[in-house]
Amino acid sequence: MIQVGSTLTSINLDNLSEDNRDRLQQRAAIHGRSLESELDSILTSVFEPKTAENSLKELLLAMLDVGEDEDFNRVRDNAREISL
């Protein structure tokens, strides 16, 4: 049951397809949550206002530190000469 204000509301999952019910259970297990908590998380992500959370700066800061800048320098020793 989900409590909205001072009233209790229940959500019936009997009409979900078996695939969706299985996926929901798997997702809840992966996140270590109950079905109700997982549904609450999904609904929250759908209904909360969208912000510019995926700015380039935030995406770059979220990247893993996988090496030094020199590791990614382009090697130009295999270029062929051309005549114009």
PDB file of N, CA and C in Angstrom:
ATOM      1  N   MET A   1       0.828  -1.182   0.000  1.00  0.00           N
ATOM      2  CA  MET A   1       0.000   0.000   0.000  1.00  0.00           C
ATOM      3  C   MET A   1       0.870   1.242   0.000  1.00  0.00           C
ATOM      4  N   ILE A   2       0.378   2.267  -0.624  1.00  0.00           N
ATOM      5  CA  ILE A   2       1.075   3.539  -0.678  1.00  0.00           C
ATOM      6  C   ILE A   2       0.231   4.565   0.062  1.00  0.00           C
ATOM      7  N   GLN A   3       0.865   5.306   0.947  1.00  0.00           N
ATOM      8  CA  GLN A   3       0.118   6.301   1.707  1.00  0.00           C
ATOM      9  C   GLN A   3       0.229   7.640   1.002  1.00  0.00           C
ATOM     10  N   VAL A   4      -0.921   8.214   0.671  1.00  0.00           N
ATOM     11  CA  VAL A   4      -0.985   9.525   0.039  1.00  0.00           C
ATOM     12  C   VAL A   4      -1.711  10.436   1.017  1.00  0.00           C
ATOM     13  N   GLY A   5      -0.979  11.372   1.598  1.00  0.00           N
ATOM     14  CA  GLY A   5      -1.585  12.215   2.613  1.00  0.00           C
ATOM     15  C   GLY A   5      -2.016  11.363   3.781  1.00  0.00           C
ATOM     16  N   SER A   6      -3.275  11.454   4.149  1.00  0.00           N
ATOM     17  CA  SER A   6      -3.766  10.655   5.273  1.00  0.00           C
ATOM     18  C   SER A   6      -4.581   9.454   4.806  1.00  0.00           C
ATOM     19  N   THR A   7      -4.632   9.220   3.476  1.00  0.00           N
ATOM     20  CA  THR A   7      -5.392   8.078   2.965  1.00  0.00           C
ATOM     21  C   THR A   7      -4.435   7.014   2.447  1.00  0.00           C
ATOM     22  N   LEU A   8      -4.860   5.779   2.509  1.00  0.00           N
ATOM     23  CA  LEU A   8      -4.066   4.674   1.992  1.00  0.00           C
ATOM     24  C   LEU A   8      -4.580   4.298   0.613  1.00  0.00           C
ATOM     25  N   THR A   9      -3.674   4.104  -0.294  1.00  0.00           N
ATOM     26  CA  THR A   9      -4.015   3.693  -1.642  1.00  0.00           C
ATOM     27  C   THR A   9      -3.263   2.416  -1.938  1.00  0.00           C
ATOM     28  N   SER A  10      -3.946   1.452  -2.531  1.00  0.00           N
ATOM     29  CA  SER A  10      -3.261   0.220  -2.881  1.00  0.00           C
ATOM     30  C   SER A  10      -3.124   0.138  -4.393  1.00  0.00           C
ATOM     31  N   ILE A  11      -2.082  -0.505  -4.815  1.00  0.00           N
ATOM     32  CA  ILE A  11      -1.832  -0.723  -6.239  1.00  0.00           C
ATOM     33  C   ILE A  11      -1.892  -2.217  -6.478  1.00  0.00           C
ATOM     34  N   ASN A  12      -2.721  -2.615  -7.420  1.00  0.00           N
ATOM     35  CA  ASN A  12      -2.902  -4.021  -7.739  1.00  0.00           C
ATOM     36  C   ASN A  12      -2.019  -4.370  -8.930  1.00  0.00           C
ATOM     37  N   LEU A  13      -1.144  -5.351  -8.768  1.00  0.00           N
ATOM     38  CA  LEU A  13      -0.243  -5.759  -9.839  1.00  0.00           C
ATOM     39  C   LEU A  13      -0.735  -6.985 -10.593  1.00  0.00           C
ATOM     40  N   ASP A  14      -1.933  -7.451 -10.272  1.00  0.00           N
ATOM     41  CA  ASP A  14      -2.452  -8.654 -10.905  1.00  0.00           C
ATOM     42  C   ASP A  14      -2.631  -8.511 -12.416  1.00  0.00           C
ATOM     43  N   ASN A  15      -2.868  -7.303 -12.886  1.00  0.00           N
ATOM     44  CA  ASN A  15      -3.104  -7.098 -14.311  1.00  0.00           C
ATOM     45  C   ASN A  15      -1.835  -6.826 -15.109  1.00  0.00           C
ATOM     46  N   LEU A  16      -0.695  -6.806 -14.444  1.00  0.00           N
ATOM     47  CA  LEU A  16       0.563  -6.663 -15.175  1.00  0.00           C
ATOM     48  C   LEU A  16       0.853  -7.946 -15.943  1.00  0.00           C
ATOM     49  N   SER A  17       1.508  -7.790 -17.076  1.00  0.00           N
ATOM     50  CA  SER A  17       1.917  -8.995 -17.803  1.00  0.00           C
ATOM     51  C   SER A  17       2.943  -9.735 -16.957  1.00  0.00           C
ATOM     52  N   GLU A  18       3.058 -11.008 -17.189  1.00  0.00           N
ATOM     53  CA  GLU A  18       4.009 -11.809 -16.425  1.00  0.00           C
ATOM     54  C   GLU A  18       5.436 -11.315 -16.648  1.00  0.00           C
ATOM     55  N   ASP A  19       5.750 -10.922 -17.890  1.00  0.00           N
ATOM     56  CA  ASP A  19       7.085 -10.390 -18.193  1.00  0.00           C
ATOM     57  C   ASP A  19       7.382  -9.139 -17.371  1.00  0.00           C
ATOM     58  N   ASN A  20       6.429  -8.204 -17.360  1.00  0.00           N
ATOM     59  CA  ASN A  20       6.638  -6.968 -16.603  1.00  0.00           C
ATOM     60  C   ASN A  20       6.732  -7.233 -15.108  1.00  0.00           C
ATOM     61  N   ARG A  21       5.923  -8.149 -14.615  1.00  0.00           N
ATOM     62  CA  ARG A  21       5.985  -8.489 -13.194  1.00  0.00           C
ATOM     63  C   ARG A  21       7.348  -9.094 -12.846  1.00  0.00           C
ATOM     64  N   ASP A  22       7.848  -9.991 -13.714  1.00  0.00           N
ATOM     65  CA  ASP A  22       9.165 -10.590 -13.494  1.00  0.00           C
ATOM     66  C   ASP A  22      10.270  -9.536 -13.547  1.00  0.00           C
ATOM     67  N   ARG A  23      10.175  -8.636 -14.527  1.00  0.00           N
ATOM     68  CA  ARG A  23      11.183  -7.579 -14.649  1.00  0.00           C
ATOM     69  C   ARG A  23      11.177  -6.663 -13.430  1.00  0.00           C
ATOM     70  N   LEU A  24       9.993  -6.352 -12.959  1.00  0.00           N
ATOM     71  CA  LEU A  24       9.881  -5.499 -11.773  1.00  0.00           C
ATOM     72  C   LEU A  24      10.485  -6.191 -10.557  1.00  0.00           C
ATOM     73  N   GLN A  25      10.220  -7.469 -10.400  1.00  0.00           N
ATOM     74  CA  GLN A  25      10.791  -8.216  -9.279  1.00  0.00           C
ATOM     75  C   GLN A  25      12.312  -8.284  -9.394  1.00  0.00           C
ATOM     76  N   GLN A  26      12.827  -8.504 -10.599  1.00  0.00           N
ATOM     77  CA  GLN A  26      14.272  -8.560 -10.796  1.00  0.00           C
ATOM     78  C   GLN A  26      14.910  -7.202 -10.507  1.00  0.00           C
ATOM     79  N   ARG A  27      14.275  -6.160 -10.992  1.00  0.00           N
ATOM     80  CA  ARG A  27      14.808  -4.807 -10.762  1.00  0.00           C
ATOM     81  C   ARG A  27      14.820  -4.478  -9.278  1.00  0.00           C
ATOM     82  N   ALA A  28      13.746  -4.834  -8.570  1.00  0.00           N
ATOM     83  CA  ALA A  28      13.681  -4.599  -7.128  1.00  0.00           C
ATOM     84  C   ALA A  28      14.778  -5.378  -6.411  1.00  0.00           C
ATOM     85  N   ALA A  29      14.999  -6.623  -6.821  1.00  0.00           N
ATOM     86  CA  ALA A  29      16.041  -7.450  -6.191  1.00  0.00           C
ATOM     87  C   ALA A  29      17.424  -6.862  -6.436  1.00  0.00           C
ATOM     88  N   ILE A  30      17.675  -6.404  -7.651  1.00  0.00           N
ATOM     89  CA  ILE A  30      18.972  -5.808  -7.982  1.00  0.00           C
ATOM     90  C   ILE A  30      19.239  -4.591  -7.104  1.00  0.00           C
ATOM     91  N   HIS A  31      18.201  -3.789  -6.874  1.00  0.00           N
ATOM     92  CA  HIS A  31      18.353  -2.580  -6.057  1.00  0.00           C
ATOM     93  C   HIS A  31      18.154  -2.835  -4.562  1.00  0.00           C
ATOM     94  N   GLY A  32      17.857  -4.085  -4.204  1.00  0.00           N
ATOM     95  CA  GLY A  32      17.676  -4.424  -2.791  1.00  0.00           C
ATOM     96  C   GLY A  32      16.457  -3.768  -2.178  1.00  0.00           C
ATOM     97  N   ARG A  33      15.382  -3.675  -2.947  1.00  0.00           N
ATOM     98  CA  ARG A  33      14.163  -3.005  -2.483  1.00  0.00           C
ATOM     99  C   ARG A  33      12.967  -3.938  -2.579  1.00  0.00           C
ATOM    100  N   SER A  34      11.921  -3.546  -1.898  1.00  0.00           N
ATOM    101  CA  SER A  34      10.644  -4.238  -2.043  1.00  0.00           C
ATOM    102  C   SER A  34      10.012  -3.796  -3.361  1.00  0.00           C
ATOM    103  N   LEU A  35       8.983  -4.508  -3.795  1.00  0.00           N
ATOM    104  CA  LEU A  35       8.273  -4.100  -5.013  1.00  0.00           C
ATOM    105  C   LEU A  35       7.703  -2.697  -4.857  1.00  0.00           C
ATOM    106  N   GLU A  36       7.153  -2.405  -3.681  1.00  0.00           N
ATOM    107  CA  GLU A  36       6.568  -1.086  -3.442  1.00  0.00           C
ATOM    108  C   GLU A  36       7.628   0.010  -3.530  1.00  0.00           C
ATOM    109  N   SER A  37       8.793  -0.236  -2.937  1.00  0.00           N
ATOM    110  CA  SER A  37       9.866   0.761  -2.990  1.00  0.00           C
ATOM    111  C   SER A  37      10.371   0.944  -4.408  1.00  0.00           C
ATOM    112  N   GLU A  38      10.446  -0.140  -5.155  1.00  0.00           N
ATOM    113  CA  GLU A  38      10.906  -0.040  -6.541  1.00  0.00           C
ATOM    114  C   GLU A  38       9.909   0.743  -7.382  1.00  0.00           C
ATOM    115  N   LEU A  39       8.632   0.461  -7.214  1.00  0.00           N
ATOM    116  CA  LEU A  39       7.606   1.226  -7.929  1.00  0.00           C
ATOM    117  C   LEU A  39       7.659   2.698  -7.559  1.00  0.00           C
ATOM    118  N   ASP A  40       7.854   2.987  -6.283  1.00  0.00           N
ATOM    119  CA  ASP A  40       7.946   4.370  -5.829  1.00  0.00           C
ATOM    120  C   ASP A  40       9.139   5.060  -6.488  1.00  0.00           C
ATOM    121  N   SER A  41      10.265   4.366  -6.586  1.00  0.00           N
ATOM    122  CA  SER A  41      11.446   4.927  -7.228  1.00  0.00           C
ATOM    123  C   SER A  41      11.196   5.202  -8.710  1.00  0.00           C
ATOM    124  N   ILE A  42      10.565   4.264  -9.387  1.00  0.00           N
ATOM    125  CA  ILE A  42      10.255   4.427 -10.814  1.00  0.00           C
ATOM    126  C   ILE A  42       9.321   5.612 -11.017  1.00  0.00           C
ATOM    127  N   LEU A  43       8.263   5.666 -10.230  1.00  0.00           N
ATOM    128  CA  LEU A  43       7.300   6.755 -10.371  1.00  0.00           C
ATOM    129  C   LEU A  43       7.928   8.102 -10.034  1.00  0.00           C
ATOM    130  N   THR A  44       8.784   8.127  -9.036  1.00  0.00           N
ATOM    131  CA  THR A  44       9.465   9.373  -8.687  1.00  0.00           C
ATOM    132  C   THR A  44      10.325   9.852  -9.842  1.00  0.00           C
ATOM    133  N   SER A  45      11.062   8.939 -10.472  1.00  0.00           N
ATOM    134  CA  SER A  45      11.922   9.342 -11.589  1.00  0.00           C
ATOM    135  C   SER A  45      11.096   9.826 -12.786  1.00  0.00           C
ATOM    136  N   VAL A  46       9.898   9.300 -12.938  1.00  0.00           N
ATOM    137  CA  VAL A  46       9.041   9.715 -14.052  1.00  0.00           C
ATOM    138  C   VAL A  46       8.409  11.077 -13.782  1.00  0.00           C
ATOM    139  N   PHE A  47       7.975  11.302 -12.541  1.00  0.00           N
ATOM    140  CA  PHE A  47       7.196  12.490 -12.242  1.00  0.00           C
ATOM    141  C   PHE A  47       7.991  13.674 -11.718  1.00  0.00           C
ATOM    142  N   GLU A  48       9.232  13.484 -11.282  1.00  0.00           N
ATOM    143  CA  GLU A  48       9.954  14.637 -10.771  1.00  0.00           C
ATOM    144  C   GLU A  48      10.345  15.534 -11.929  1.00  0.00           C
ATOM    145  N   PRO A  49      10.388  16.834 -11.678  1.00  0.00           N
ATOM    146  CA  PRO A  49      10.684  17.767 -12.765  1.00  0.00           C
ATOM    147  C   PRO A  49      12.060  17.508 -13.356  1.00  0.00           C
ATOM    148  N   LYS A  50      12.118  17.595 -14.664  1.00  0.00           N
ATOM    149  CA  LYS A  50      13.386  17.393 -15.355  1.00  0.00           C
ATOM    150  C   LYS A  50      14.208  18.677 -15.251  1.00  0.00           C
ATOM    151  N   THR A  51      15.474  18.505 -14.942  1.00  0.00           N
ATOM    152  CA  THR A  51      16.388  19.637 -14.870  1.00  0.00           C
ATOM    153  C   THR A  51      17.522  19.401 -15.851  1.00  0.00           C
ATOM    154  N   ALA A  52      18.393  20.353 -15.935  1.00  0.00           N
ATOM    155  CA  ALA A  52      19.542  20.214 -16.826  1.00  0.00           C
ATOM    156  C   ALA A  52      20.605  19.375 -16.130  1.00  0.00           C
ATOM    157  N   GLU A  53      20.199  18.211 -15.637  1.00  0.00           N
ATOM    158  CA  GLU A  53      21.112  17.354 -14.885  1.00  0.00           C
ATOM    159  C   GLU A  53      22.169  16.713 -15.765  1.00  0.00           C
ATOM    160  N   ASN A  54      21.921  16.669 -17.046  1.00  0.00           N
ATOM    161  CA  ASN A  54      22.872  16.028 -17.943  1.00  0.00           C
ATOM    162  C   ASN A  54      23.667  17.055 -18.733  1.00  0.00           C
ATOM    163  N   SER A  55      24.143  18.090 -18.025  1.00  0.00           N
ATOM    164  CA  SER A  55      24.977  19.067 -18.708  1.00  0.00           C
ATOM    165  C   SER A  55      26.292  18.397 -19.099  1.00  0.00           C
ATOM    166  N   LEU A  56      26.973  18.972 -20.042  1.00  0.00           N
ATOM    167  CA  LEU A  56      28.244  18.413 -20.484  1.00  0.00           C
ATOM    168  C   LEU A  56      29.218  18.329 -19.318  1.00  0.00           C
ATOM    169  N   LYS A  57      29.232  19.360 -18.495  1.00  0.00           N
ATOM    170  CA  LYS A  57      30.138  19.359 -17.341  1.00  0.00           C
ATOM    171  C   LYS A  57      29.850  18.175 -16.425  1.00  0.00           C
ATOM    172  N   GLU A  58      28.578  17.932 -16.127  1.00  0.00           N
ATOM    173  CA  GLU A  58      28.223  16.820 -15.241  1.00  0.00           C
ATOM    174  C   GLU A  58      28.547  15.468 -15.869  1.00  0.00           C
ATOM    175  N   LEU A  59      28.321  15.347 -17.172  1.00  0.00           N
ATOM    176  CA  LEU A  59      28.660  14.097 -17.852  1.00  0.00           C
ATOM    177  C   LEU A  59      30.164  13.843 -17.822  1.00  0.00           C
ATOM    178  N   LEU A  60      30.956  14.886 -18.044  1.00  0.00           N
ATOM    179  CA  LEU A  60      32.400  14.737 -18.010  1.00  0.00           C
ATOM    180  C   LEU A  60      32.891  14.402 -16.605  1.00  0.00           C
ATOM    181  N   LEU A  61      32.307  15.043 -15.599  1.00  0.00           N
ATOM    182  CA  LEU A  61      32.710  14.764 -14.220  1.00  0.00           C
ATOM    183  C   LEU A  61      32.331  13.354 -13.799  1.00  0.00           C
ATOM    184  N   ALA A  62      31.288  12.794 -14.415  1.00  0.00           N
ATOM    185  CA  ALA A  62      30.831  11.451 -14.055  1.00  0.00           C
ATOM    186  C   ALA A  62      31.670  10.359 -14.712  1.00  0.00           C
ATOM    187  N   MET A  63      32.505  10.726 -15.685  1.00  0.00           N
ATOM    188  CA  MET A  63      33.316   9.727 -16.380  1.00  0.00           C
ATOM    189  C   MET A  63      34.366   9.157 -15.439  1.00  0.00           C
ATOM    190  N   LEU A  64      34.669   7.895 -15.612  1.00  0.00           N
ATOM    191  CA  LEU A  64      35.696   7.242 -14.810  1.00  0.00           C
ATOM    192  C   LEU A  64      37.072   7.761 -15.183  1.00  0.00           C
ATOM    193  N   ASP A  65      37.944   7.818 -14.210  1.00  0.00           N
ATOM    194  CA  ASP A  65      39.326   8.205 -14.447  1.00  0.00           C
ATOM    195  C   ASP A  65      40.070   6.955 -14.905  1.00  0.00           C
ATOM    196  N   VAL A  66      40.291   6.844 -16.205  1.00  0.00           N
ATOM    197  CA  VAL A  66      40.855   5.604 -16.751  1.00  0.00           C
ATOM    198  C   VAL A  66      42.277   5.758 -17.256  1.00  0.00           C
ATOM    199  N   GLY A  67      42.904   6.868 -17.021  1.00  0.00           N
ATOM    200  CA  GLY A  67      44.280   7.024 -17.477  1.00  0.00           C
ATOM    201  C   GLY A  67      44.689   8.475 -17.535  1.00  0.00           C
ATOM    202  N   GLU A  68      45.895   8.666 -17.995  1.00  0.00           N
ATOM    203  CA  GLU A  68      46.444  10.009 -18.163  1.00  0.00           C
ATOM    204  C   GLU A  68      46.093  10.531 -19.553  1.00  0.00           C
ATOM    205  N   ASP A  69      46.132  11.844 -19.721  1.00  0.00           N
ATOM    206  CA  ASP A  69      45.827  12.432 -21.023  1.00  0.00           C
ATOM    207  C   ASP A  69      46.744  11.882 -22.107  1.00  0.00           C
ATOM    208  N   GLU A  70      48.013  11.621 -21.752  1.00  0.00           N
ATOM    209  CA  GLU A  70      48.978  11.125 -22.730  1.00  0.00           C
ATOM    210  C   GLU A  70      48.572   9.752 -23.273  1.00  0.00           C
ATOM    211  N   ASP A  71      47.833   8.992 -22.482  1.00  0.00           N
ATOM    212  CA  ASP A  71      47.389   7.674 -22.940  1.00  0.00           C
ATOM    213  C   ASP A  71      46.460   7.767 -24.143  1.00  0.00           C
ATOM    214  N   PHE A  72      45.872   8.931 -24.346  1.00  0.00           N
ATOM    215  CA  PHE A  72      44.881   9.094 -25.403  1.00  0.00           C
ATOM    216  C   PHE A  72      45.395   9.942 -26.567  1.00  0.00           C
ATOM    217  N   ASN A  73      46.687  10.262 -26.556  1.00  0.00           N
ATOM    218  CA  ASN A  73      47.257  11.025 -27.664  1.00  0.00           C
ATOM    219  C   ASN A  73      47.196  10.191 -28.932  1.00  0.00           C
ATOM    220  N   ARG A  74      46.911  10.855 -30.014  1.00  0.00           N
ATOM    221  CA  ARG A  74      46.806  10.180 -31.301  1.00  0.00           C
ATOM    222  C   ARG A  74      48.192   9.893 -31.855  1.00  0.00           C
ATOM    223  N   VAL A  75      48.420   8.679 -32.293  1.00  0.00           N
ATOM    224  CA  VAL A  75      49.697   8.292 -32.895  1.00  0.00           C
ATOM    225  C   VAL A  75      49.613   8.596 -34.380  1.00  0.00           C
ATOM    226  N   ARG A  76      50.551   9.397 -34.870  1.00  0.00           N
ATOM    227  CA  ARG A  76      50.509   9.820 -36.274  1.00  0.00           C
ATOM    228  C   ARG A  76      51.662   9.233 -37.086  1.00  0.00           C
ATOM    229  N   ASP A  77      52.217   8.133 -36.663  1.00  0.00           N
ATOM    230  CA  ASP A  77      53.377   7.571 -37.366  1.00  0.00           C
ATOM    231  C   ASP A  77      53.013   6.691 -38.557  1.00  0.00           C
ATOM    232  N   ASN A  78      51.757   6.418 -38.770  1.00  0.00           N
ATOM    233  CA  ASN A  78      51.389   5.543 -39.883  1.00  0.00           C
ATOM    234  C   ASN A  78      50.727   6.296 -41.029  1.00  0.00           C
ATOM    235  N   ALA A  79      50.941   7.604 -41.057  1.00  0.00           N
ATOM    236  CA  ALA A  79      50.349   8.399 -42.136  1.00  0.00           C
ATOM    237  C   ALA A  79      51.164   8.214 -43.411  1.00  0.00           C
ATOM    238  N   ARG A  80      50.530   8.243 -44.541  1.00  0.00           N
ATOM    239  CA  ARG A  80      51.241   8.098 -45.801  1.00  0.00           C
ATOM    240  C   ARG A  80      51.397   9.473 -46.442  1.00  0.00           C
ATOM    241  N   GLU A  81      52.436   9.632 -47.185  1.00  0.00           N
ATOM    242  CA  GLU A  81      52.681  10.897 -47.861  1.00  0.00           C
ATOM    243  C   GLU A  81      51.861  10.942 -49.141  1.00  0.00           C
ATOM    244  N   ILE A  82      51.423  12.105 -49.486  1.00  0.00           N
ATOM    245  CA  ILE A  82      50.687  12.281 -50.732  1.00  0.00           C
ATOM    246  C   ILE A  82      51.320  13.430 -51.522  1.00  0.00           C
ATOM    247  N   SER A  83      51.161  13.406 -52.798  1.00  0.00           N
ATOM    248  CA  SER A  83      51.645  14.518 -53.606  1.00  0.00           C
ATOM    249  C   SER A  83      50.439  15.170 -54.265  1.00  0.00           C
ATOM    250  N   LEU A  84      50.478  16.476 -54.254  1.00  0.00           N
ATOM    251  CA  LEU A  84      49.357  17.216 -54.843  1.00  0.00           C
ATOM    252  C   LEU A  84      49.745  17.853 -56.141  1.00  0.00           C
TER     253      LEU A  84
END
